[in-house]
Every structure is written in structure tokens, then in C-alpha cells.
C-alpha atoms as a PDB file:
ATOM      1  CA  MET A   1      -1.962 -11.995 -23.694  1.00  0.00           C
ATOM      2  CA  SER A   2       0.449 -14.101 -21.628  1.00  0.00           C
ATOM      3  CA  GLY A   3       3.679 -13.131 -19.952  1.00  0.00           C
ATOM      4  CA  ILE A   4       5.997 -12.519 -17.053  1.00  0.00           C
ATOM      5  CA  TYR A   5       5.898  -9.278 -15.093  1.00  0.00           C
ATOM      6  CA  HIS A   6       7.894  -7.369 -12.505  1.00  0.00           C
ATOM      7  CA  LEU A   7       6.085  -5.093 -10.069  1.00  0.00           C
ATOM      8  CA  LEU A   8       8.275  -2.309  -8.679  1.00  0.00           C
ATOM      9  CA  ILE A   9       6.811  -1.577  -5.258  1.00  0.00           C
ATOM     10  CA  GLN A  10       7.616   1.200  -2.806  1.00  0.00           C
ATOM     11  CA  LEU A  11       7.147   0.892   0.940  1.00  0.00           C
ATOM     12  CA  LEU A  12       7.552   4.234   2.704  1.00  0.00           C
ATOM     13  CA  GLN A  13       7.742   3.088   6.344  1.00  0.00           C
ATOM     14  CA  PRO A  14       8.791  -0.113   8.089  1.00  0.00           C
ATOM     15  CA  GLN A  15       5.835  -2.454   8.416  1.00  0.00           C
ATOM     16  CA  GLU A  16       5.185  -5.698  10.226  1.00  0.00           C
ATOM     17  CA  ILE A  17       2.951  -7.700   7.902  1.00  0.00           C
ATOM     18  CA  ILE A  18       1.474 -11.159   8.173  1.00  0.00           C
ATOM     19  CA  ILE A  19       2.032 -12.870   4.823  1.00  0.00           C
ATOM     20  CA  GLY A  20      -0.549 -15.630   4.709  1.00  0.00           C
ATOM     21  CA  LYS A  21       0.789 -18.956   5.974  1.00  0.00           C
ATOM     22  CA  LEU A  22       4.395 -17.671   5.805  1.00  0.00           C
ATOM     23  CA  GLY A  23       3.815 -15.696   8.999  1.00  0.00           C
ATOM     24  CA  LEU A  24       4.805 -12.279  10.359  1.00  0.00           C
ATOM     25  CA  PHE A  25       7.718 -10.354   8.824  1.00  0.00           C
ATOM     26  CA  LEU A  26       9.246  -6.911   9.268  1.00  0.00           C
ATOM     27  CA  PHE A  27       9.513  -5.169   5.903  1.00  0.00           C
ATOM     28  CA  PRO A  28      12.072  -2.345   5.841  1.00  0.00           C
ATOM     29  CA  PRO A  29      11.206   0.795   3.886  1.00  0.00           C
ATOM     30  CA  GLY A  30      12.522   0.911   0.345  1.00  0.00           C
ATOM     31  CA  TYR A  31      11.780  -0.832  -2.919  1.00  0.00           C
ATOM     32  CA  TYR A  32      10.645  -4.349  -3.689  1.00  0.00           C
ATOM     33  CA  VAL A  33      10.478  -6.168  -6.994  1.00  0.00           C
ATOM     34  CA  TYR A  34       7.942  -8.942  -7.272  1.00  0.00           C
ATOM     35  CA  THR A  35       8.204 -11.274 -10.268  1.00  0.00           C
ATOM     36  CA  GLY A  36       5.086 -13.103 -11.344  1.00  0.00           C
ATOM     37  CA  SER A  37       3.546 -14.767 -14.342  1.00  0.00           C
ATOM     38  CA  ALA A  38       0.152 -14.677 -16.000  1.00  0.00           C
ATOM     39  CA  LEU A  39      -0.004 -17.301 -18.679  1.00  0.00           C
ATOM     40  CA  ASN A  40      -3.675 -16.401 -19.179  1.00  0.00           C
ATOM     41  CA  GLY A  41      -4.574 -12.734 -18.903  1.00  0.00           C
ATOM     42  CA  LEU A  42      -1.542 -10.557 -18.171  1.00  0.00           C
ATOM     43  CA  LYS A  43      -3.476  -7.257 -18.206  1.00  0.00           C
ATOM     44  CA  ALA A  44      -6.135  -8.627 -15.850  1.00  0.00           C
ATOM     45  CA  ARG A  45      -3.522  -9.932 -13.411  1.00  0.00           C
ATOM     46  CA  ILE A  46      -1.754  -6.566 -13.223  1.00  0.00           C
ATOM     47  CA  ALA A  47      -5.093  -4.765 -12.837  1.00  0.00           C
ATOM     48  CA  ARG A  48      -5.909  -7.108  -9.934  1.00  0.00           C
ATOM     49  CA  HIS A  49      -2.588  -6.310  -8.260  1.00  0.00           C
ATOM     50  CA  ARG A  50      -3.350  -2.585  -8.550  1.00  0.00           C
ATOM     51  CA  ARG A  51      -6.753  -2.917  -6.833  1.00  0.00           C
ATOM     52  CA  LYS A  52      -6.825  -2.305  -3.081  1.00  0.00           C
ATOM     53  CA  GLU A  53     -10.121  -4.121  -2.545  1.00  0.00           C
ATOM     54  CA  LYS A  54      -9.649  -7.830  -3.216  1.00  0.00           C
ATOM     55  CA  ARG A  55      -9.620 -11.197  -1.524  1.00  0.00           C
ATOM     56  CA  LEU A  56      -6.117 -11.834  -0.176  1.00  0.00           C
ATOM     57  CA  HIS A  57      -4.928 -14.908  -2.048  1.00  0.00           C
ATOM     58  CA  TRP A  58      -1.270 -14.582  -3.097  1.00  0.00           C
ATOM     59  CA  HIS A  59       1.632 -13.496  -0.885  1.00  0.00           C
ATOM     60  CA  ILE A  60       1.919 -10.257  -2.861  1.00  0.00           C
ATOM     61  CA  ASP A  61      -1.683  -9.328  -1.955  1.00  0.00           C
ATOM     62  CA  TYR A  62      -0.674  -8.950   1.701  1.00  0.00           C
ATOM     63  CA  LEU A  63       2.263  -6.633   0.937  1.00  0.00           C
ATOM     64  CA  LEU A  64       0.223  -4.507  -1.448  1.00  0.00           C
ATOM     65  CA  GLN A  65      -2.184  -3.638   1.377  1.00  0.00           C
ATOM     66  CA  HIS A  66       0.688  -1.506   2.800  1.00  0.00           C
ATOM     67  CA  ALA A  67       2.766  -0.519  -0.244  1.00  0.00           C
ATOM     68  CA  ARG A  68       2.180   0.898  -3.708  1.00  0.00           C
ATOM     69  CA  ILE A  69       3.114  -0.217  -7.196  1.00  0.00           C
ATOM     70  CA  ILE A  70       5.180   2.487  -8.876  1.00  0.00           C
ATOM     71  CA  ASP A  71       6.144   0.677 -12.096  1.00  0.00           C
ATOM     72  CA  VAL A  72       5.429  -2.504 -14.021  1.00  0.00           C
ATOM     73  CA  VAL A  73       7.665  -4.185 -16.599  1.00  0.00           C
ATOM     74  CA  CYS A  74       6.118  -6.917 -18.747  1.00  0.00           C
ATOM     75  CA  HIS A  75       7.720  -9.587 -20.910  1.00  0.00           C
ATOM     76  CA  ILE A  76       5.258 -11.061 -23.404  1.00  0.00           C
ATOM     77  CA  THR A  77       5.771 -14.816 -23.662  1.00  0.00           C
ATOM     78  CA  THR A  78       3.937 -18.095 -23.415  1.00  0.00           C
ATOM     79  CA  ALA A  79       7.042 -19.803 -22.000  1.00  0.00           C
ATOM     80  CA  ARG A  80       7.328 -20.539 -18.280  1.00  0.00           C
ATOM     81  CA  LEU A  81      10.266 -18.211 -17.621  1.00  0.00           C
ATOM     82  CA  GLU A  82       9.215 -16.637 -14.320  1.00  0.00           C
ATOM     83  CA  CYS A  83      12.132 -18.122 -12.362  1.00  0.00           C
ATOM     84  CA  GLU A  84      14.682 -17.066 -14.998  1.00  0.00           C
ATOM     85  CA  TYR A  85      13.410 -13.480 -14.985  1.00  0.00           C
ATOM     86  CA  ASN A  86      13.368 -13.549 -11.192  1.00  0.00           C
ATOM     87  CA  GLY A  87      17.031 -14.624 -11.258  1.00  0.00           C
ATOM     88  CA  GLN A  88      17.888 -11.484 -13.252  1.00  0.00           C
ATOM     89  CA  ILE A  89      16.341  -9.343 -10.510  1.00  0.00           C
ATOM     90  CA  MET A  90      18.167 -11.250  -7.771  1.00  0.00           C
ATOM     91  CA  ASN A  91      21.463 -10.494  -9.543  1.00  0.00           C
ATOM     92  CA  LEU A  92      20.954  -6.703  -9.537  1.00  0.00           C
ATOM     93  CA  PRO A  93      23.189  -4.590  -7.251  1.00  0.00           C
ATOM     94  CA  GLN A  94      21.949  -4.304  -3.632  1.00  0.00           C
ATOM     95  CA  ALA A  95      19.385  -7.124  -4.077  1.00  0.00           C
ATOM     96  CA  GLN A  96      18.383  -8.758  -0.791  1.00  0.00           C
ATOM     97  CA  ILE A  97      15.905 -11.430   0.209  1.00  0.00           C
ATOM     98  CA  THR A  98      13.964 -10.304   3.275  1.00  0.00           C
ATOM     99  CA  VAL A  99      11.160 -12.893   3.188  1.00  0.00           C
ATOM    100  CA  PRO A 100      12.305 -16.374   2.135  1.00  0.00           C
ATOM    101  CA  ARG A 101       9.781 -18.323  -0.022  1.00  0.00           C
ATOM    102  CA  PHE A 102       7.675 -15.187  -0.721  1.00  0.00           C
ATOM    103  CA  GLY A 103       5.883 -15.883  -4.009  1.00  0.00           C
ATOM    104  CA  ALA A 104       7.881 -19.074  -4.513  1.00  0.00           C
ATOM    105  CA  SER A 105       5.664 -21.793  -3.058  1.00  0.00           C
ATOM    106  CA  ASP A 106       5.529 -23.668  -6.355  1.00  0.00           C
ATOM    107  CA  CYS A 107       9.192 -23.482  -7.413  1.00  0.00           C
ATOM    108  CA  LYS A 108      12.717 -23.868  -6.050  1.00  0.00           C
ATOM    109  CA  CYS A 109      13.591 -20.155  -5.997  1.00  0.00           C
ATOM    110  CA  VAL A 110      14.597 -18.588  -2.680  1.00  0.00           C
ATOM    111  CA  ALA A 111      11.840 -15.987  -3.182  1.00  0.00           C
ATOM    112  CA  HIS A 112      10.092 -14.014  -5.924  1.00  0.00           C
ATOM    113  CA  LEU A 113      10.226 -10.805  -3.895  1.00  0.00           C
ATOM    114  CA  VAL A 114      13.537  -8.948  -3.810  1.00  0.00           C
ATOM    115  CA  TYR A 115      14.281  -5.947  -1.579  1.00  0.00           C
ATOM    116  CA  PHE A 116      16.387  -2.923  -2.565  1.00  0.00           C
ATOM    117  CA  PRO A 117      17.226  -0.042  -0.197  1.00  0.00           C
ATOM    118  CA  ASN A 118      17.452   2.244  -3.259  1.00  0.00           C
ATOM    119  CA  ARG A 119      15.330   2.243  -6.397  1.00  0.00           C
ATOM    120  CA  PRO A 120      16.670  -0.395  -8.789  1.00  0.00           C
ATOM    121  CA  VAL A 121      16.781  -0.117 -12.565  1.00  0.00           C
ATOM    122  CA  LEU A 122      14.715  -2.995 -13.891  1.00  0.00           C
ATOM    123  CA  PRO A 123      15.845  -4.906 -16.975  1.00  0.00           C
ATOM    124  CA  THR A 124      13.492  -4.476 -19.931  1.00  0.00           C
END
């Protein structure tokens, strides 16, 4: 199964985290939405994100060492719509970019991680 997914992530306390080659960032407590795609194996990708023990490869892996996934919304598709779905999240009330280029090394988006001080309602 292929698709696009949003991870709703909660960070309880402020954390300074090194995000791979992006460097060190201060993450405020609150909620984060990460938009990703798995055009081969959506269930396996989400299961990987949920595991604590893994090789740190993607930007999101570094954040998930300190935060927890509290919800996942999937959109089943074979189309490359990750950036469009990410744009919907960036347009939600209170959306903020705290780490430019997070999850967006292979596209022109500002970031694929969006911060919210309060829990957002994700589009389905």
C-alpha cells in the first residue's frame, strides 16, 4: 500500500536536539505534524517511525527519540502529493515553522515539520 501520512507528535518539554546535518535546534513543547510519503510500504514506514530502536536516518528519526507519536492520518495514493498535503498542514491555524528544511531536503517546501502550541485538528 502506498500513500502520504501525517504524524501528530507531542513533545512534553523543551528539548535541544541535533537533527542530522541540519544542526542543533531548540524544540518548544507542544505538537508537531510531520508529513511524509511511503510510495512502497506505508504500514512498514509508520511502524518504523513508531519504533524507538532504529538507525537514525531521516530528520524525523532524531525528533522521535524525544517525542511520541499520538496520532497518524494516512491518505492512500500512488501520486506524489506529499508537498500538497504538507501545504494543507502549513495553512492550519497557529502553524509555525521552527526548523527550516526539516524533512524537505528533496523538495522546495520550507519544511515538512510544522509546530503548533495547541493540538491541531488534522484534515482527513
